[in-house]
Amino acid sequence: MAYAKWEAAVRRSEFLEKTVVPQAVHVESLARLAYQFGRAPLLNVLQAPIDVPDVPSQALAATAAAQSALPAVDAAVGAPLRVERF
């Protein structure tokens, strides 16, 4: 159970860092381009930077959750778990 919780937290962290954060930044730049070409309202451009900073903080929280779950795995195994990522 402890290992599954830790593994899920690591997967969420990696997904957010490798997929969601870059896509959120890309959406922000697309909103600007769409506005410049008259395809989107100014509100989209103004809203994008507000939404993007929340995504990296979610990735950081997921990484912290993975770190927090690691001691339970160590206790279940009876020895420190060697993990290259963290």
C-alpha atoms as a PDB file:
ATOM      1  CA  MET A   1       0.000   0.000   0.000  1.00  0.00           C
ATOM      2  CA  ALA A   2       2.755   2.470   0.905  1.00  0.00           C
ATOM      3  CA  TYR A   3       4.648   1.665  -2.275  1.00  0.00           C
ATOM      4  CA  ALA A   4       1.541   2.087  -4.424  1.00  0.00           C
ATOM      5  CA  LYS A   5       0.850   5.478  -2.840  1.00  0.00           C
ATOM      6  CA  TRP A   6       4.435   6.591  -3.410  1.00  0.00           C
ATOM      7  CA  GLU A   7       4.469   5.286  -6.988  1.00  0.00           C
ATOM      8  CA  ALA A   8       1.209   7.099  -7.787  1.00  0.00           C
ATOM      9  CA  ALA A   9       2.608  10.340  -6.369  1.00  0.00           C
ATOM     10  CA  VAL A  10       5.760   9.976  -8.464  1.00  0.00           C
ATOM     11  CA  ARG A  11       3.720   9.313 -11.615  1.00  0.00           C
ATOM     12  CA  ARG A  12       1.531  12.358 -10.963  1.00  0.00           C
ATOM     13  CA  SER A  13       4.594  14.521 -10.386  1.00  0.00           C
ATOM     14  CA  GLU A  14       6.255  13.349 -13.593  1.00  0.00           C
ATOM     15  CA  PHE A  15       3.063  13.804 -15.610  1.00  0.00           C
ATOM     16  CA  LEU A  16       2.583  17.345 -14.352  1.00  0.00           C
ATOM     17  CA  GLU A  17       6.223  18.314 -14.906  1.00  0.00           C
ATOM     18  CA  LYS A  18       6.673  16.705 -18.320  1.00  0.00           C
ATOM     19  CA  THR A  19       3.237  17.162 -19.872  1.00  0.00           C
ATOM     20  CA  VAL A  20       0.923  19.596 -18.127  1.00  0.00           C
ATOM     21  CA  VAL A  21       3.379  22.413 -17.344  1.00  0.00           C
ATOM     22  CA  PRO A  22       4.765  22.649 -20.910  1.00  0.00           C
ATOM     23  CA  GLN A  23       1.241  22.517 -22.352  1.00  0.00           C
ATOM     24  CA  ALA A  24       0.030  25.273 -20.024  1.00  0.00           C
ATOM     25  CA  VAL A  25       2.894  27.497 -21.135  1.00  0.00           C
ATOM     26  CA  HIS A  26       2.084  26.651 -24.753  1.00  0.00           C
ATOM     27  CA  VAL A  27      -1.574  27.588 -24.241  1.00  0.00           C
ATOM     28  CA  GLU A  28      -0.486  30.968 -22.917  1.00  0.00           C
ATOM     29  CA  SER A  29       1.554  31.663 -26.043  1.00  0.00           C
ATOM     30  CA  LEU A  30      -1.276  30.428 -28.281  1.00  0.00           C
ATOM     31  CA  ALA A  31      -3.700  32.798 -26.571  1.00  0.00           C
ATOM     32  CA  ARG A  32      -1.399  35.694 -27.385  1.00  0.00           C
ATOM     33  CA  LEU A  33      -1.027  34.640 -30.989  1.00  0.00           C
ATOM     34  CA  ALA A  34      -4.770  34.148 -31.395  1.00  0.00           C
ATOM     35  CA  TYR A  35      -5.403  37.621 -30.024  1.00  0.00           C
ATOM     36  CA  GLN A  36      -2.775  39.159 -32.317  1.00  0.00           C
ATOM     37  CA  PHE A  37      -4.506  37.602 -35.324  1.00  0.00           C
ATOM     38  CA  GLY A  38      -7.949  38.639 -34.144  1.00  0.00           C
ATOM     39  CA  ARG A  39      -9.096  35.095 -33.365  1.00  0.00           C
ATOM     40  CA  ALA A  40      -9.503  35.390 -29.582  1.00  0.00           C
ATOM     41  CA  PRO A  41     -10.742  38.034 -27.168  1.00  0.00           C
ATOM     42  CA  LEU A  42      -8.378  39.968 -24.940  1.00  0.00           C
ATOM     43  CA  LEU A  43      -9.856  38.182 -21.924  1.00  0.00           C
ATOM     44  CA  ASN A  44      -8.207  34.928 -23.047  1.00  0.00           C
ATOM     45  CA  VAL A  45      -4.801  36.627 -23.130  1.00  0.00           C
ATOM     46  CA  LEU A  46      -5.346  38.168 -19.710  1.00  0.00           C
ATOM     47  CA  GLN A  47      -6.605  34.921 -18.151  1.00  0.00           C
ATOM     48  CA  ALA A  48      -3.812  32.650 -19.454  1.00  0.00           C
ATOM     49  CA  PRO A  49      -0.977  34.023 -17.249  1.00  0.00           C
ATOM     50  CA  ILE A  50      -3.241  33.742 -14.223  1.00  0.00           C
ATOM     51  CA  ASP A  51      -3.896  30.045 -14.863  1.00  0.00           C
ATOM     52  CA  VAL A  52      -0.332  29.032 -15.805  1.00  0.00           C
ATOM     53  CA  PRO A  53       1.407  29.784 -12.456  1.00  0.00           C
ATOM     54  CA  ASP A  54      -0.977  27.397 -10.706  1.00  0.00           C
ATOM     55  CA  VAL A  55       0.217  24.450 -12.806  1.00  0.00           C
ATOM     56  CA  PRO A  56       3.888  24.476 -11.676  1.00  0.00           C
ATOM     57  CA  SER A  57       2.737  24.767  -8.064  1.00  0.00           C
ATOM     58  CA  GLN A  58       0.633  21.643  -8.582  1.00  0.00           C
ATOM     59  CA  ALA A  59       3.703  19.853  -9.937  1.00  0.00           C
ATOM     60  CA  LEU A  60       5.697  20.955  -6.910  1.00  0.00           C
ATOM     61  CA  ALA A  61       2.950  19.744  -4.576  1.00  0.00           C
ATOM     62  CA  ALA A  62       2.930  16.361  -6.325  1.00  0.00           C
ATOM     63  CA  THR A  63       6.704  16.085  -5.901  1.00  0.00           C
ATOM     64  CA  ALA A  64       6.336  16.937  -2.213  1.00  0.00           C
ATOM     65  CA  ALA A  65       3.655  14.261  -1.877  1.00  0.00           C
ATOM     66  CA  ALA A  66       6.031  11.709  -3.388  1.00  0.00           C
ATOM     67  CA  GLN A  67       8.735  12.781  -0.952  1.00  0.00           C
ATOM     68  CA  SER A  68       6.301  12.526   1.962  1.00  0.00           C
ATOM     69  CA  ALA A  69       5.234   9.017   0.964  1.00  0.00           C
ATOM     70  CA  LEU A  70       8.796   7.711   0.760  1.00  0.00           C
ATOM     71  CA  PRO A  71       9.360   7.196   4.533  1.00  0.00           C
ATOM     72  CA  ALA A  72       6.317   4.917   4.679  1.00  0.00           C
ATOM     73  CA  VAL A  73       7.844   2.802   1.911  1.00  0.00           C
ATOM     74  CA  ASP A  74      11.156   2.701   3.767  1.00  0.00           C
ATOM     75  CA  ALA A  75       9.349   1.571   6.925  1.00  0.00           C
ATOM     76  CA  ALA A  76       7.438  -1.128   5.026  1.00  0.00           C
ATOM     77  CA  VAL A  77      10.608  -2.438   3.399  1.00  0.00           C
ATOM     78  CA  GLY A  78      12.670  -2.108   6.540  1.00  0.00           C
ATOM     79  CA  ALA A  79      15.474  -0.247   4.798  1.00  0.00           C
ATOM     80  CA  PRO A  80      15.892   2.982   2.899  1.00  0.00           C
ATOM     81  CA  LEU A  81      14.647   2.762  -0.660  1.00  0.00           C
ATOM     82  CA  ARG A  82      17.191   4.057  -3.150  1.00  0.00           C
ATOM     83  CA  VAL A  83      15.482   6.282  -5.688  1.00  0.00           C
ATOM     84  CA  GLU A  84      17.446   8.112  -8.358  1.00  0.00           C
ATOM     85  CA  ARG A  85      14.767  10.707  -9.115  1.00  0.00           C
ATOM     86  CA  PHE A  86      14.412  12.079  -5.601  1.00  0.00           C
END
